[in-house]
Protein backbone atom coordinates (compact mmCIF):
# COMPACT_ATOMS: atom_id res chain seq x y z
CA MET A 1 -214.15 -78.38 69.35
CA HIS A 2 -214.54 -76.18 66.32
CA TYR A 3 -213.03 -72.57 66.67
CA GLN A 4 -213.85 -69.80 65.18
CA HIS A 5 -211.47 -67.61 65.65
CA ALA A 6 -207.41 -67.17 65.57
CA MET A 7 -205.50 -65.11 67.53
CA ALA A 8 -201.79 -63.96 65.95
CA ASP A 9 -198.97 -62.18 67.61
CA ILE A 10 -195.43 -61.59 65.72
CA GLU A 11 -192.22 -60.94 67.24
CA SER A 12 -189.88 -58.59 64.64
CA LEU A 13 -187.05 -56.72 64.42
CA SER A 14 -188.77 -53.81 62.67
CA LEU A 15 -192.02 -51.51 63.49
CA ASN A 16 -192.41 -51.49 59.46
CA LYS A 17 -196.19 -52.40 58.57
CA GLY A 18 -196.12 -54.98 56.45
CA ARG A 19 -192.23 -55.54 55.87
CA ALA A 20 -190.96 -56.28 59.08
CA LEU A 21 -188.45 -58.96 59.62
CA ILE A 22 -190.87 -61.49 61.40
CA LEU A 23 -188.44 -63.27 64.08
CA SER A 24 -191.61 -65.80 65.30
CA PHE A 25 -195.25 -65.74 65.24
CA GLY A 26 -197.99 -67.77 67.66
CA VAL A 27 -201.47 -68.51 66.54
CA VAL A 28 -204.21 -69.31 69.21
CA LEU A 29 -207.63 -71.00 68.54
CA PHE A 30 -210.98 -69.71 70.25
CA ASN A 31 -214.29 -68.83 70.49
CA ILE A 32 -214.91 -65.05 71.77
CA GLN A 33 -217.59 -65.94 73.82
CA ASP A 34 -216.17 -69.00 75.97
CA ASN A 35 -214.15 -68.28 79.38
CA ASP A 36 -211.26 -69.56 78.56
CA THR A 37 -208.19 -70.23 81.27
CA PHE A 38 -204.46 -69.52 80.21
CA GLU A 39 -204.28 -73.06 80.83
CA ASP A 40 -206.80 -73.98 78.57
CA LEU A 41 -205.12 -72.46 75.92
CA VAL A 42 -202.65 -75.02 75.29
CA ALA A 43 -204.63 -77.76 74.67
CA PRO A 44 -203.78 -80.02 71.43
CA GLY A 45 -204.04 -78.19 68.35
CA ARG A 46 -205.03 -75.18 69.72
CA CYS A 47 -201.68 -73.56 69.21
CA PHE A 48 -199.22 -72.98 66.11
CA TYR A 49 -195.82 -71.73 66.83
CA THR A 50 -192.63 -71.17 64.71
CA ALA A 51 -189.35 -68.99 64.60
CA LEU A 52 -188.70 -68.49 61.33
CA GLU A 53 -184.59 -68.66 59.10
CA ILE A 54 -183.91 -64.71 59.20
CA GLU A 55 -181.30 -64.83 56.05
CA GLN A 56 -184.14 -65.99 53.75
CA GLN A 57 -185.72 -63.18 55.01
CA ILE A 58 -183.24 -60.50 54.74
CA ALA A 59 -182.88 -61.41 51.62
CA SER A 60 -186.18 -61.16 50.66
CA GLY A 61 -186.20 -57.70 51.47
CA ARG A 62 -187.47 -57.77 55.05
CA LYS A 63 -186.69 -54.59 57.37
CA ILE A 64 -184.60 -54.31 60.33
CA ASP A 65 -184.00 -51.71 62.14
CA GLY A 66 -181.80 -50.46 65.02
CA GLY A 67 -184.20 -49.17 67.74
CA THR A 68 -186.24 -52.32 67.50
CA ILE A 69 -182.77 -54.33 67.98
CA LEU A 70 -182.12 -52.08 70.99
CA TRP A 71 -185.78 -52.35 72.58
CA TRP A 72 -185.13 -55.92 72.10
CA LEU A 73 -181.48 -55.92 74.41
CA GLU A 74 -183.81 -54.02 77.29
CA GLN A 75 -186.55 -57.12 77.24
CA ASN A 76 -186.90 -59.61 80.18
CA LYS A 77 -183.90 -62.30 79.20
CA ALA A 78 -186.71 -65.23 79.42
CA ALA A 79 -188.20 -63.80 75.81
CA GLN A 80 -184.84 -63.61 74.44
CA MET A 81 -184.13 -67.14 75.65
CA SER A 82 -187.19 -67.95 73.85
CA LEU A 83 -185.92 -66.45 70.65
CA VAL A 84 -182.37 -67.55 70.69
CA ASN A 85 -183.19 -71.20 71.80
CA SER A 86 -185.86 -71.78 69.24
CA PRO A 87 -185.27 -73.89 65.89
CA ARG A 88 -185.45 -71.43 63.16
CA TYR A 89 -187.63 -72.95 60.54
CA ASP A 90 -187.32 -72.16 56.03
CA VAL A 91 -189.74 -69.75 56.01
CA GLY A 92 -191.74 -71.02 52.95
CA GLN A 93 -192.24 -74.47 54.27
CA ALA A 94 -193.37 -72.51 58.04
CA MET A 95 -195.88 -70.60 55.89
CA ASP A 96 -197.32 -74.20 54.27
CA ASP A 97 -197.32 -75.65 57.53
CA PHE A 98 -199.14 -72.47 58.88
CA ILE A 99 -201.60 -72.22 56.19
CA ASP A 100 -202.49 -76.20 56.30
CA TRP A 101 -202.79 -75.61 60.19
CA ILE A 102 -205.75 -73.41 59.51
CA LYS A 103 -207.26 -74.79 56.77
CA GLU A 104 -207.57 -78.09 58.74
CA ARG A 105 -209.39 -76.50 61.70
CA GLY A 106 -211.19 -73.78 59.95
CA PRO A 107 -211.62 -70.46 62.05
CA GLY A 108 -212.37 -67.54 59.60
CA GLN A 109 -211.34 -65.16 61.58
CA ILE A 110 -208.01 -63.43 61.97
CA TRP A 111 -207.20 -61.46 65.28
CA GLY A 112 -204.21 -59.16 66.02
CA ASN A 113 -203.72 -56.88 68.54
CA GLY A 114 -203.55 -54.04 65.90
CA ASN A 115 -204.74 -55.88 62.65
CA GLU A 116 -202.60 -53.04 60.84
CA PHE A 117 -199.13 -54.85 62.18
CA ASP A 118 -199.19 -58.21 63.23
CA ILE A 119 -201.48 -59.27 60.77
CA SER A 120 -199.94 -57.14 57.52
CA ASN A 121 -196.56 -58.51 58.73
CA LEU A 122 -198.07 -62.18 58.08
CA GLU A 123 -200.03 -61.73 54.99
CA SER A 124 -197.03 -60.02 53.39
CA LEU A 125 -195.11 -62.79 54.49
CA CYS A 126 -197.36 -65.02 52.80
CA ASP A 127 -196.74 -62.63 49.74
CA ASP A 128 -193.53 -63.04 49.76
CA TYR A 129 -193.52 -66.27 49.24
CA GLY A 130 -196.41 -67.19 46.89
CA ARG A 131 -198.66 -68.54 49.17
CA ASN A 132 -202.38 -67.45 49.55
CA TRP A 133 -203.29 -65.92 52.90
CA PRO A 134 -205.77 -67.81 54.54
CA PHE A 135 -208.32 -65.20 55.29
CA GLY A 136 -210.41 -62.71 53.42
CA PHE A 137 -209.61 -59.23 54.37
CA ARG A 138 -213.19 -58.92 55.80
CA ASN A 139 -212.18 -61.15 58.66
CA ASN A 140 -209.05 -59.16 59.66
CA HIS A 141 -210.10 -57.90 63.88
CA SER A 142 -208.03 -55.62 66.30
CA LEU A 143 -208.01 -56.22 69.94
CA ARG A 144 -207.19 -52.36 70.56
CA THR A 145 -210.93 -51.50 68.79
CA LEU A 146 -212.90 -54.72 70.81
CA ARG A 147 -210.84 -53.02 73.84
CA LEU A 148 -212.05 -49.55 73.00
CA LEU A 149 -215.85 -51.14 72.69
CA ALA A 150 -215.50 -52.42 76.05
CA GLY A 151 -214.66 -48.97 77.39
CA SER A 152 -211.13 -49.24 77.80
CA PRO A 153 -210.64 -51.32 80.69
CA ALA A 154 -207.58 -51.84 82.73
CA TYR A 155 -205.20 -54.31 81.46
CA PRO A 156 -205.81 -57.47 83.56
CA ALA A 157 -202.55 -59.06 85.87
CA ASN A 158 -200.20 -61.15 83.46
CA PRO A 159 -201.45 -65.03 83.94
CA LYS A 160 -199.03 -67.19 86.13
CA GLY A 161 -196.40 -68.39 83.75
CA PHE A 162 -196.92 -66.19 81.22
CA ILE A 163 -193.70 -64.60 79.23
CA ALA A 164 -194.10 -60.79 77.89
CA HIS A 165 -193.11 -60.95 74.11
CA ASP A 166 -192.95 -64.50 73.67
CA ALA A 167 -195.18 -64.88 70.40
CA LEU A 168 -197.50 -67.76 71.40
CA ASP A 169 -197.54 -66.19 75.26
CA ASP A 170 -198.83 -62.98 74.03
CA ALA A 171 -201.30 -64.49 71.36
CA LYS A 172 -203.08 -66.48 74.46
CA LYS A 173 -202.57 -63.47 76.66
CA GLN A 174 -204.99 -61.60 73.77
CA VAL A 175 -207.35 -64.57 73.85
CA LEU A 176 -208.10 -63.96 77.17
CA ASP A 177 -208.61 -59.81 77.01
CA ALA A 178 -210.28 -60.07 73.85
CA GLN A 179 -213.00 -62.81 75.40
CA ARG A 180 -213.17 -60.37 78.68
CA TYR A 181 -213.77 -57.54 76.55
CA TRP A 182 -216.73 -59.68 74.80
CA ARG A 183 -218.06 -60.43 78.11
CA ILE A 184 -218.00 -56.47 79.18
CA ILE A 185 -219.84 -55.68 76.18
CA ASN A 186 -222.35 -57.92 76.33
CA GLY A 187 -222.95 -57.08 80.28
CA LYS A 188 -221.94 -61.10 81.27
């Protein structure tokens, strides 16, 4: 199946727009008009996840802030353990793998919960390592804007097995939300 959209989520050590140190990121392929379940989204080839080498990013000037570190200390243990136990990859190689993965699958649209944070940080990470961002600037979308257009419905309950602040789980949940908002907007 061909997917037209990709949903990205990052976990970071800063709220700096465009320069945050990225701990991990997850990307899920989808079609906005579909009605996926959380379980559908783990089909082979639909998900990309990586945890990134921290020292490399510090050396390249990525930002860390104390408030975000304190926030992480207050989050659920499952999300913390996901970050601690994930193997960390060389940033340049991880970005190459991500770009190749996107090019092989061909989604033309990229989404983030808000396009000014997750996507701008991933795009600037590509720049830091001399990689070309695989999406055009016109193909960058915000889930928050879609939610507003849908009338700002209440957030649905988290799916069974969902871990908040795990980049891949957050991206999957955001796909389900995007599809739901799309159905509301289109009266389906």
